[in-house]
Amino acid sequence: LAFGNEGQQLKVGAVSTIQNSLIVG
């Protein structure tokens, strides 16, 4: 659960897997 962070909520520069997540920009 990612929300309210001042920049990006989630960031990945490697091989990435983002699953089953709640993200509020």
PDB file of all heavy atoms in Angstrom:
ATOM      1  N   LEU A   1       0.864  -1.172   0.000  1.00  0.00           N
ATOM      2  CA  LEU A   1       0.000   0.000   0.000  1.00  0.00           C
ATOM      3  C   LEU A   1       0.903   1.225   0.000  1.00  0.00           C
ATOM      4  O   LEU A   1       1.612   1.486   0.984  1.00  0.00           O
ATOM      5  CB  LEU A   1      -0.906  -0.007   1.230  1.00  0.00           C
ATOM      6  CG  LEU A   1      -1.718   1.272   1.499  1.00  0.00           C
ATOM      7  CD1 LEU A   1      -2.640   1.598   0.331  1.00  0.00           C
ATOM      8  CD2 LEU A   1      -2.511   1.139   2.798  1.00  0.00           C
ATOM      9  N   ALA A   2       0.895   1.979  -1.116  1.00  0.00           N
ATOM     10  CA  ALA A   2       1.798   3.125  -1.279  1.00  0.00           C
ATOM     11  C   ALA A   2       0.969   4.370  -1.562  1.00  0.00           C
ATOM     12  O   ALA A   2       0.206   4.403  -2.534  1.00  0.00           O
ATOM     13  CB  ALA A   2       2.780   2.871  -2.414  1.00  0.00           C
ATOM     14  N   PHE A   3       1.136   5.390  -0.728  1.00  0.00           N
ATOM     15  CA  PHE A   3       0.365   6.617  -0.922  1.00  0.00           C
ATOM     16  C   PHE A   3       1.052   7.770  -0.205  1.00  0.00           C
ATOM     17  O   PHE A   3       1.829   7.576   0.736  1.00  0.00           O
ATOM     18  CB  PHE A   3      -1.069   6.458  -0.382  1.00  0.00           C
ATOM     19  CG  PHE A   3      -1.137   6.249   1.105  1.00  0.00           C
ATOM     20  CD1 PHE A   3      -1.317   7.317   1.980  1.00  0.00           C
ATOM     21  CD2 PHE A   3      -1.030   4.980   1.652  1.00  0.00           C
ATOM     22  CE1 PHE A   3      -1.381   7.126   3.355  1.00  0.00           C
ATOM     23  CE2 PHE A   3      -1.087   4.770   3.028  1.00  0.00           C
ATOM     24  CZ  PHE A   3      -1.264   5.853   3.880  1.00  0.00           C
ATOM     25  N   GLY A   4       0.786   8.991  -0.663  1.00  0.00           N
ATOM     26  CA  GLY A   4       1.194  10.182   0.060  1.00  0.00           C
ATOM     27  C   GLY A   4       2.670  10.492   0.073  1.00  0.00           C
ATOM     28  O   GLY A   4       3.087  11.462   0.717  1.00  0.00           O
ATOM     29  N   ASN A   5       3.495   9.693  -0.606  1.00  0.00           N
ATOM     30  CA  ASN A   5       4.917  10.010  -0.679  1.00  0.00           C
ATOM     31  C   ASN A   5       5.115  11.205  -1.608  1.00  0.00           C
ATOM     32  O   ASN A   5       4.418  11.347  -2.617  1.00  0.00           O
ATOM     33  CB  ASN A   5       5.694   8.793  -1.168  1.00  0.00           C
ATOM     34  CG  ASN A   5       5.547   7.620  -0.217  1.00  0.00           C
ATOM     35  OD1 ASN A   5       6.065   7.628   0.877  1.00  0.00           O
ATOM     36  ND2 ASN A   5       4.794   6.598  -0.659  1.00  0.00           N
ATOM     37  N   GLU A   6       6.093  12.050  -1.305  1.00  0.00           N
ATOM     38  CA  GLU A   6       6.214  13.339  -1.996  1.00  0.00           C
ATOM     39  C   GLU A   6       6.701  13.207  -3.431  1.00  0.00           C
ATOM     40  O   GLU A   6       6.451  14.087  -4.251  1.00  0.00           O
ATOM     41  CB  GLU A   6       7.148  14.250  -1.201  1.00  0.00           C
ATOM     42  CG  GLU A   6       7.094  15.694  -1.640  1.00  0.00           C
ATOM     43  CD  GLU A   6       8.001  16.585  -0.819  1.00  0.00           C
ATOM     44  OE1 GLU A   6       8.226  16.296   0.366  1.00  0.00           O
ATOM     45  OE2 GLU A   6       8.494  17.577  -1.373  1.00  0.00           O
ATOM     46  N   GLY A   7       7.397  12.127  -3.765  1.00  0.00           N
ATOM     47  CA  GLY A   7       7.816  11.893  -5.138  1.00  0.00           C
ATOM     48  C   GLY A   7       7.026  10.738  -5.731  1.00  0.00           C
ATOM     49  O   GLY A   7       5.803  10.674  -5.624  1.00  0.00           O
ATOM     50  N   GLN A   8       7.725   9.795  -6.368  1.00  0.00           N
ATOM     51  CA  GLN A   8       7.051   8.598  -6.840  1.00  0.00           C
ATOM     52  C   GLN A   8       6.736   7.675  -5.669  1.00  0.00           C
ATOM     53  O   GLN A   8       7.468   7.639  -4.677  1.00  0.00           O
ATOM     54  CB  GLN A   8       7.907   7.849  -7.872  1.00  0.00           C
ATOM     55  CG  GLN A   8       7.973   8.545  -9.219  1.00  0.00           C
ATOM     56  CD  GLN A   8       9.248   9.350  -9.399  1.00  0.00           C
ATOM     57  OE1 GLN A   8       9.862   9.778  -8.429  1.00  0.00           O
ATOM     58  NE2 GLN A   8       9.651   9.566 -10.635  1.00  0.00           N
ATOM     59  N   GLN A   9       5.675   6.918  -5.828  1.00  0.00           N
ATOM     60  CA  GLN A   9       5.310   5.982  -4.770  1.00  0.00           C
ATOM     61  C   GLN A   9       6.210   4.744  -4.824  1.00  0.00           C
ATOM     62  O   GLN A   9       6.690   4.280  -3.795  1.00  0.00           O
ATOM     63  CB  GLN A   9       3.834   5.585  -4.903  1.00  0.00           C
ATOM     64  CG  GLN A   9       2.877   6.768  -5.004  1.00  0.00           C
ATOM     65  CD  GLN A   9       2.999   7.740  -3.840  1.00  0.00           C
ATOM     66  OE1 GLN A   9       3.007   7.347  -2.673  1.00  0.00           O
ATOM     67  NE2 GLN A   9       3.120   9.027  -4.163  1.00  0.00           N
ATOM     68  N   LEU A  10       6.443   4.203  -6.033  1.00  0.00           N
ATOM     69  CA  LEU A  10       7.265   3.011  -6.218  1.00  0.00           C
ATOM     70  C   LEU A  10       8.181   3.216  -7.412  1.00  0.00           C
ATOM     71  O   LEU A  10       7.744   3.712  -8.457  1.00  0.00           O
ATOM     72  CB  LEU A  10       6.395   1.770  -6.458  1.00  0.00           C
ATOM     73  CG  LEU A  10       5.356   1.412  -5.384  1.00  0.00           C
ATOM     74  CD1 LEU A  10       4.498   0.244  -5.855  1.00  0.00           C
ATOM     75  CD2 LEU A  10       6.027   1.089  -4.055  1.00  0.00           C
ATOM     76  N   LYS A  11       9.459   2.812  -7.280  1.00  0.00           N
ATOM     77  CA  LYS A  11      10.426   2.947  -8.373  1.00  0.00           C
ATOM     78  C   LYS A  11      11.306   1.705  -8.422  1.00  0.00           C
ATOM     79  O   LYS A  11      11.735   1.215  -7.375  1.00  0.00           O
ATOM     80  CB  LYS A  11      11.314   4.184  -8.165  1.00  0.00           C
ATOM     81  CG  LYS A  11      10.560   5.492  -8.129  1.00  0.00           C
ATOM     82  CD  LYS A  11      11.433   6.646  -7.679  1.00  0.00           C
ATOM     83  CE  LYS A  11      12.416   7.098  -8.717  1.00  0.00           C
ATOM     84  NZ  LYS A  11      13.104   8.358  -8.315  1.00  0.00           N
ATOM     85  N   VAL A  12      11.596   1.244  -9.632  1.00  0.00           N
ATOM     86  CA  VAL A  12      12.472   0.085  -9.805  1.00  0.00           C
ATOM     87  C   VAL A  12      13.351   0.312 -11.026  1.00  0.00           C
ATOM     88  O   VAL A  12      12.853   0.664 -12.095  1.00  0.00           O
ATOM     89  CB  VAL A  12      11.674  -1.226  -9.990  1.00  0.00           C
ATOM     90  CG1 VAL A  12      12.639  -2.403 -10.068  1.00  0.00           C
ATOM     91  CG2 VAL A  12      10.685  -1.440  -8.853  1.00  0.00           C
ATOM     92  N   GLY A  13      14.659   0.048 -10.876  1.00  0.00           N
ATOM     93  CA  GLY A  13      15.575   0.151 -11.999  1.00  0.00           C
ATOM     94  C   GLY A  13      16.135  -1.178 -12.438  1.00  0.00           C
ATOM     95  O   GLY A  13      16.843  -1.266 -13.429  1.00  0.00           O
ATOM     96  N   ALA A  14      15.820  -2.238 -11.698  1.00  0.00           N
ATOM     97  CA  ALA A  14      16.250  -3.593 -12.064  1.00  0.00           C
ATOM     98  C   ALA A  14      15.072  -4.325 -12.702  1.00  0.00           C
ATOM     99  O   ALA A  14      14.028  -3.739 -12.976  1.00  0.00           O
ATOM    100  CB  ALA A  14      16.737  -4.336 -10.824  1.00  0.00           C
ATOM    101  N   VAL A  15      15.235  -5.612 -12.945  1.00  0.00           N
ATOM    102  CA  VAL A  15      14.118  -6.436 -13.390  1.00  0.00           C
ATOM    103  C   VAL A  15      13.047  -6.371 -12.306  1.00  0.00           C
ATOM    104  O   VAL A  15      13.320  -6.659 -11.129  1.00  0.00           O
ATOM    105  CB  VAL A  15      14.578  -7.885 -13.628  1.00  0.00           C
ATOM    106  CG1 VAL A  15      13.400  -8.765 -14.003  1.00  0.00           C
ATOM    107  CG2 VAL A  15      15.646  -7.929 -14.709  1.00  0.00           C
ATOM    108  N   SER A  16      11.830  -5.983 -12.670  1.00  0.00           N
ATOM    109  CA  SER A  16      10.846  -5.642 -11.649  1.00  0.00           C
ATOM    110  C   SER A  16       9.593  -6.495 -11.725  1.00  0.00           C
ATOM    111  O   SER A  16       9.153  -6.919 -12.799  1.00  0.00           O
ATOM    112  CB  SER A  16      10.449  -4.165 -11.763  1.00  0.00           C
ATOM    113  OG  SER A  16       9.851  -3.899 -13.011  1.00  0.00           O
ATOM    114  N   THR A  17       9.017  -6.707 -10.548  1.00  0.00           N
ATOM    115  CA  THR A  17       7.706  -7.337 -10.406  1.00  0.00           C
ATOM    116  C   THR A  17       6.915  -6.516  -9.401  1.00  0.00           C
ATOM    117  O   THR A  17       7.330  -6.369  -8.244  1.00  0.00           O
ATOM    118  CB  THR A  17       7.838  -8.782  -9.894  1.00  0.00           C
ATOM    119  OG1 THR A  17       8.546  -9.567 -10.852  1.00  0.00           O
ATOM    120  CG2 THR A  17       6.467  -9.401  -9.665  1.00  0.00           C
ATOM    121  N   ILE A  18       5.793  -5.957  -9.843  1.00  0.00           N
ATOM    122  CA  ILE A  18       4.880  -5.234  -8.960  1.00  0.00           C
ATOM    123  C   ILE A  18       3.521  -5.879  -9.106  1.00  0.00           C
ATOM    124  O   ILE A  18       2.920  -5.856 -10.180  1.00  0.00           O
ATOM    125  CB  ILE A  18       4.827  -3.733  -9.306  1.00  0.00           C
ATOM    126  CG1 ILE A  18       6.223  -3.109  -9.216  1.00  0.00           C
ATOM    127  CG2 ILE A  18       3.845  -3.008  -8.392  1.00  0.00           C
ATOM    128  CD1 ILE A  18       6.287  -1.647  -9.633  1.00  0.00           C
ATOM    129  N   GLN A  19       3.020  -6.472  -8.032  1.00  0.00           N
ATOM    130  CA  GLN A  19       1.777  -7.230  -8.079  1.00  0.00           C
ATOM    131  C   GLN A  19       0.951  -6.995  -6.816  1.00  0.00           C
ATOM    132  O   GLN A  19       1.488  -6.767  -5.736  1.00  0.00           O
ATOM    133  CB  GLN A  19       2.066  -8.736  -8.210  1.00  0.00           C
ATOM    134  CG  GLN A  19       2.729  -9.140  -9.512  1.00  0.00           C
ATOM    135  CD  GLN A  19       3.149 -10.603  -9.539  1.00  0.00           C
ATOM    136  OE1 GLN A  19       3.597 -11.137  -8.525  1.00  0.00           O
ATOM    137  NE2 GLN A  19       3.031 -11.247 -10.693  1.00  0.00           N
ATOM    138  N   ASN A  20      -0.380  -7.087  -6.996  1.00  0.00           N
ATOM    139  CA  ASN A  20      -1.313  -7.068  -5.859  1.00  0.00           C
ATOM    140  C   ASN A  20      -1.143  -5.843  -4.969  1.00  0.00           C
ATOM    141  O   ASN A  20      -1.296  -5.923  -3.747  1.00  0.00           O
ATOM    142  CB  ASN A  20      -1.136  -8.328  -5.005  1.00  0.00           C
ATOM    143  CG  ASN A  20      -1.950  -9.508  -5.507  1.00  0.00           C
ATOM    144  OD1 ASN A  20      -2.922  -9.343  -6.236  1.00  0.00           O
ATOM    145  ND2 ASN A  20      -1.541 -10.705  -5.135  1.00  0.00           N
ATOM    146  N   SER A  21      -0.826  -4.699  -5.552  1.00  0.00           N
ATOM    147  CA  SER A  21      -0.537  -3.511  -4.752  1.00  0.00           C
ATOM    148  C   SER A  21      -1.570  -2.410  -4.976  1.00  0.00           C
ATOM    149  O   SER A  21      -2.167  -2.307  -6.063  1.00  0.00           O
ATOM    150  CB  SER A  21       0.865  -2.987  -5.062  1.00  0.00           C
ATOM    151  OG  SER A  21       1.844  -3.912  -4.625  1.00  0.00           O
ATOM    152  N   LEU A  22      -1.780  -1.613  -3.948  1.00  0.00           N
ATOM    153  CA  LEU A  22      -2.662  -0.443  -3.990  1.00  0.00           C
ATOM    154  C   LEU A  22      -1.795   0.802  -4.015  1.00  0.00           C
ATOM    155  O   LEU A  22      -0.972   1.007  -3.112  1.00  0.00           O
ATOM    156  CB  LEU A  22      -3.570  -0.416  -2.766  1.00  0.00           C
ATOM    157  CG  LEU A  22      -4.512  -1.605  -2.578  1.00  0.00           C
ATOM    158  CD1 LEU A  22      -5.172  -1.551  -1.203  1.00  0.00           C
ATOM    159  CD2 LEU A  22      -5.573  -1.629  -3.670  1.00  0.00           C
ATOM    160  N   ILE A  23      -1.949   1.624  -5.033  1.00  0.00           N
ATOM    161  CA  ILE A  23      -1.064   2.765  -5.247  1.00  0.00           C
ATOM    162  C   ILE A  23      -1.920   4.011  -5.457  1.00  0.00           C
ATOM    163  O   ILE A  23      -2.803   4.022  -6.327  1.00  0.00           O
ATOM    164  CB  ILE A  23      -0.173   2.531  -6.477  1.00  0.00           C
ATOM    165  CG1 ILE A  23       0.596   1.201  -6.344  1.00  0.00           C
ATOM    166  CG2 ILE A  23       0.792   3.691  -6.666  1.00  0.00           C
ATOM    167  CD1 ILE A  23       1.157   0.677  -7.649  1.00  0.00           C
ATOM    168  N   VAL A  24      -1.668   5.042  -4.679  1.00  0.00           N
ATOM    169  CA  VAL A  24      -2.398   6.303  -4.803  1.00  0.00           C
ATOM    170  C   VAL A  24      -1.389   7.408  -5.103  1.00  0.00           C
ATOM    171  O   VAL A  24      -0.482   7.661  -4.308  1.00  0.00           O
ATOM    172  CB  VAL A  24      -3.194   6.637  -3.529  1.00  0.00           C
ATOM    173  CG1 VAL A  24      -3.996   7.922  -3.733  1.00  0.00           C
ATOM    174  CG2 VAL A  24      -4.117   5.484  -3.149  1.00  0.00           C
ATOM    175  N   GLY A  25      -1.562   8.054  -6.243  1.00  0.00           N
ATOM    176  CA  GLY A  25      -0.649   9.114  -6.648  1.00  0.00           C
ATOM    177  C   GLY A  25      -1.053  10.467  -6.093  1.00  0.00           C
ATOM    178  O   GLY A  25      -1.286  11.414  -6.858  1.00  0.00           O
TER     179      GLY A  25
END
